[in-house]
Amino acid sequence: MAVPKHRRPKFRQRNTRMHIYIKAGSTRACGKCGKPVLSHTICQNCGTYRGKEMINVLARLSKRDQKTKEKELKNQEVSLEQK
């Protein structure tokens, strides 16, 4: 019978078994844009959290990108309202 050469500490045992317990994070649809977002985090697409704008996503974009992003967000809002 094989015998291990070194004793394995308890914390290392638990770390090797951690894959058993890890679960995928729960996602939800953003209220404004409808993209999947991890719960309790700000939406990276539109910058809102719990219906309030926390990050101005358009401020860090160039003018050309701002216009396209504005159109995209408006189209997403309209499609969500129709559902």
Protein backbone atom coordinates (compact mmCIF):
# COMPACT_ATOMS: atom_id res chain seq x y z
CA MET A 1 0.00 0.00 0.00
CA ALA A 2 1.30 3.47 -0.90
CA VAL A 3 2.12 5.82 1.94
CA PRO A 4 2.37 9.60 1.40
CA LYS A 5 5.84 10.99 1.98
CA HIS A 6 4.60 14.17 3.67
CA ARG A 7 1.58 14.96 5.77
CA ARG A 8 -0.95 17.18 3.99
CA PRO A 9 -2.16 20.13 6.16
CA LYS A 10 -5.91 20.57 6.69
CA PHE A 11 -6.05 23.91 4.86
CA ARG A 12 -4.44 22.35 1.79
CA GLN A 13 -6.92 19.45 1.94
CA ARG A 14 -9.82 21.87 2.00
CA ASN A 15 -8.37 23.91 -0.86
CA THR A 16 -8.13 20.87 -3.08
CA ARG A 17 -11.73 20.00 -2.32
CA MET A 18 -12.99 23.55 -2.88
CA HIS A 19 -14.12 22.79 -6.44
CA ILE A 20 -16.94 20.77 -4.91
CA TYR A 21 -18.47 23.82 -3.23
CA ILE A 22 -17.85 26.62 -5.73
CA LYS A 23 -21.02 27.65 -7.54
CA ALA A 24 -21.59 30.05 -10.39
CA GLY A 25 -22.60 33.55 -9.33
CA SER A 26 -26.24 34.49 -9.70
CA THR A 27 -27.01 36.95 -12.45
CA ARG A 28 -30.05 39.08 -13.08
CA ALA A 29 -31.19 41.33 -15.90
CA CYS A 30 -30.34 45.02 -15.56
CA GLY A 31 -33.47 47.12 -15.03
CA LYS A 32 -32.44 49.76 -17.54
CA CYS A 33 -30.64 47.95 -20.36
CA GLY A 34 -31.57 44.30 -19.82
CA LYS A 35 -28.01 42.94 -19.93
CA PRO A 36 -27.10 40.16 -17.45
CA VAL A 37 -25.38 41.57 -14.35
CA LEU A 38 -24.06 39.96 -11.18
CA SER A 39 -26.34 40.79 -8.26
CA HIS A 40 -25.29 43.70 -6.01
CA THR A 41 -23.01 45.21 -8.68
CA ILE A 42 -23.19 48.20 -11.01
CA CYS A 43 -24.10 47.45 -14.63
CA GLN A 44 -21.01 48.01 -16.78
CA ASN A 45 -23.13 48.65 -19.87
CA CYS A 46 -25.29 51.54 -18.62
CA GLY A 47 -23.74 52.39 -15.21
CA THR A 48 -26.90 52.01 -13.10
CA TYR A 49 -27.48 50.31 -9.76
CA ARG A 50 -30.96 49.84 -8.30
CA GLY A 51 -32.46 52.24 -10.83
CA LYS A 52 -30.02 55.09 -10.17
CA GLU A 53 -27.13 56.13 -12.38
CA MET A 54 -23.89 55.61 -10.47
CA ILE A 55 -21.32 55.85 -13.28
CA ASN A 56 -21.50 58.13 -16.28
CA VAL A 57 -20.50 55.60 -18.90
CA LEU A 58 -20.62 58.11 -21.74
CA ALA A 59 -18.12 60.53 -20.13
CA ARG A 60 -15.13 58.29 -20.71
CA LEU A 61 -15.92 57.67 -24.40
CA SER A 62 -14.98 59.72 -27.43
CA LYS A 63 -17.71 61.78 -29.13
CA ARG A 64 -18.23 59.25 -31.91
CA ASP A 65 -18.52 56.40 -29.41
CA GLN A 66 -20.85 58.49 -27.22
CA LYS A 67 -23.37 58.90 -30.04
CA THR A 68 -23.40 55.21 -30.88
CA LYS A 69 -23.69 54.24 -27.20
CA GLU A 70 -26.60 56.68 -26.69
CA LYS A 71 -28.46 55.19 -29.65
CA GLU A 72 -27.78 51.68 -28.39
CA LEU A 73 -29.07 52.49 -24.88
CA LYS A 74 -32.22 54.15 -26.28
CA ASN A 75 -32.95 51.12 -28.46
CA GLN A 76 -32.50 48.81 -25.47
CA GLU A 77 -34.86 50.92 -23.32
CA VAL A 78 -37.51 50.93 -26.06
CA SER A 79 -37.26 47.16 -26.53
CA LEU A 80 -37.61 46.61 -22.75
CA GLU A 81 -40.68 48.87 -22.57
CA GLN A 82 -42.36 46.94 -25.38
CA LYS A 83 -41.96 43.63 -23.51
